[in-house]
C-alpha atoms as a PDB file:
ATOM      1  CA  UNK A   1     106.203  83.983 134.303  1.00  0.00           C
ATOM      2  CA  UNK A   2     102.583  83.116 135.007  1.00  0.00           C
ATOM      3  CA  UNK A   3      99.650  85.471 134.598  1.00  0.00           C
ATOM      4  CA  UNK A   4      99.328  86.157 138.352  1.00  0.00           C
ATOM      5  CA  UNK A   5     102.812  87.671 138.859  1.00  0.00           C
ATOM      6  CA  UNK A   6     102.553  89.656 135.626  1.00  0.00           C
ATOM      7  CA  UNK A   7      99.270  91.315 136.615  1.00  0.00           C
ATOM      8  CA  UNK A   8     100.442  91.780 140.228  1.00  0.00           C
ATOM      9  CA  UNK A   9     103.640  93.429 138.957  1.00  0.00           C
ATOM     10  CA  UNK A  10     101.551  95.779 136.795  1.00  0.00           C
ATOM     11  CA  UNK A  11      99.329  96.709 139.756  1.00  0.00           C
ATOM     12  CA  UNK A  12     102.324  97.273 142.083  1.00  0.00           C
ATOM     13  CA  UNK A  13     103.884  99.542 139.464  1.00  0.00           C
ATOM     14  CA  UNK A  14     100.601 101.483 139.253  1.00  0.00           C
ATOM     15  CA  UNK A  15     100.678 102.145 143.011  1.00  0.00           C
ATOM     16  CA  UNK A  16     104.253 103.443 142.833  1.00  0.00           C
ATOM     17  CA  UNK A  17     106.688 100.519 142.956  1.00  0.00           C
ATOM     18  CA  UNK A  18     108.536 101.486 139.791  1.00  0.00           C
ATOM     19  CA  UNK A  19     112.044 102.609 138.903  1.00  0.00           C
ATOM     20  CA  UNK A  20     112.905 106.168 139.894  1.00  0.00           C
ATOM     21  CA  UNK A  21     110.144 106.619 142.456  1.00  0.00           C
ATOM     22  CA  UNK A  22     110.983 107.569 146.011  1.00  0.00           C
ATOM     23  CA  UNK A  23     109.232 105.865 148.873  1.00  0.00           C
ATOM     24  CA  UNK A  24     109.325 105.594 152.644  1.00  0.00           C
ATOM     25  CA  UNK A  25     109.277 101.976 153.836  1.00  0.00           C
ATOM     26  CA  UNK A  26     110.039 100.617 157.287  1.00  0.00           C
ATOM     27  CA  UNK A  27     111.039 104.093 158.502  1.00  0.00           C
ATOM     28  CA  UNK A  28     113.648 104.640 155.765  1.00  0.00           C
ATOM     29  CA  UNK A  29     113.516 106.632 152.545  1.00  0.00           C
ATOM     30  CA  UNK A  30     114.414 104.758 149.365  1.00  0.00           C
ATOM     31  CA  UNK A  31     114.845 105.465 145.686  1.00  0.00           C
ATOM     32  CA  UNK A  32     113.561 102.481 143.739  1.00  0.00           C
ATOM     33  CA  UNK A  33     115.881 101.016 141.124  1.00  0.00           C
ATOM     34  CA  UNK A  34     113.697  98.536 139.289  1.00  0.00           C
ATOM     35  CA  UNK A  35     110.526  96.519 139.065  1.00  0.00           C
ATOM     36  CA  UNK A  36     109.133  94.239 141.788  1.00  0.00           C
ATOM     37  CA  UNK A  37     110.925  90.892 142.180  1.00  0.00           C
ATOM     38  CA  UNK A  38     108.894  87.840 143.179  1.00  0.00           C
ATOM     39  CA  UNK A  39     110.187  85.360 145.747  1.00  0.00           C
ATOM     40  CA  UNK A  40     106.932  83.481 146.350  1.00  0.00           C
ATOM     41  CA  UNK A  41     103.160  83.920 146.528  1.00  0.00           C
ATOM     42  CA  UNK A  42     103.173  86.919 148.866  1.00  0.00           C
ATOM     43  CA  UNK A  43     106.909  87.550 148.976  1.00  0.00           C
ATOM     44  CA  UNK A  44     107.766  90.510 146.751  1.00  0.00           C
ATOM     45  CA  UNK A  45     110.913  92.650 146.837  1.00  0.00           C
ATOM     46  CA  UNK A  46     112.220  95.739 145.108  1.00  0.00           C
ATOM     47  CA  UNK A  47     115.834  96.853 144.699  1.00  0.00           C
ATOM     48  CA  UNK A  48     116.414 100.309 146.131  1.00  0.00           C
ATOM     49  CA  UNK A  49     119.027 102.721 147.417  1.00  0.00           C
ATOM     50  CA  UNK A  50     118.567 103.886 150.974  1.00  0.00           C
ATOM     51  CA  UNK A  51     118.729 107.674 150.782  1.00  0.00           C
ATOM     52  CA  UNK A  52     120.466 108.230 154.142  1.00  0.00           C
ATOM     53  CA  UNK A  53     123.272 105.683 153.777  1.00  0.00           C
ATOM     54  CA  UNK A  54     123.446 105.361 149.986  1.00  0.00           C
ATOM     55  CA  UNK A  55     123.455 101.571 150.345  1.00  0.00           C
ATOM     56  CA  UNK A  56     121.833  99.261 147.830  1.00  0.00           C
ATOM     57  CA  UNK A  57     119.154  97.150 149.496  1.00  0.00           C
ATOM     58  CA  UNK A  58     116.575  94.612 148.441  1.00  0.00           C
ATOM     59  CA  UNK A  59     113.483  95.701 150.350  1.00  0.00           C
ATOM     60  CA  UNK A  60     110.420  93.571 150.903  1.00  0.00           C
ATOM     61  CA  UNK A  61     107.198  95.205 149.765  1.00  0.00           C
ATOM     62  CA  UNK A  62     104.912  95.164 152.828  1.00  0.00           C
ATOM     63  CA  UNK A  63     102.423  92.287 152.823  1.00  0.00           C
ATOM     64  CA  UNK A  64      99.343  94.548 153.222  1.00  0.00           C
ATOM     65  CA  UNK A  65     100.327  96.360 150.006  1.00  0.00           C
ATOM     66  CA  UNK A  66     100.834  93.062 148.155  1.00  0.00           C
ATOM     67  CA  UNK A  67      97.463  91.799 149.406  1.00  0.00           C
ATOM     68  CA  UNK A  68      95.759  95.064 148.419  1.00  0.00           C
ATOM     69  CA  UNK A  69      97.266  94.852 144.922  1.00  0.00           C
ATOM     70  CA  UNK A  70      96.137  91.195 144.655  1.00  0.00           C
ATOM     71  CA  UNK A  71      92.599  92.089 145.764  1.00  0.00           C
ATOM     72  CA  UNK A  72      92.337  94.965 143.285  1.00  0.00           C
ATOM     73  CA  UNK A  73      93.710  92.742 140.529  1.00  0.00           C
ATOM     74  CA  UNK A  74      91.083  90.086 141.322  1.00  0.00           C
ATOM     75  CA  UNK A  75      88.264  92.636 141.389  1.00  0.00           C
ATOM     76  CA  UNK A  76      89.154  94.036 137.972  1.00  0.00           C
END
């Protein structure tokens, strides 16, 4: 894994995308099951269980959050 995804993963974990956290995304509540998964430059997912249905889902982390984490990583 290159330096960019490693530092982006660290920053996303710092803002709450880490195992065991609960989060509301796209109008649904989720319990996160693991670390961010990278599918491309700005394509980042996280495995989660949807609280209402109990279904396992791979949820895309919203692009504005990924961009914010990238900007903060670059500024540091």
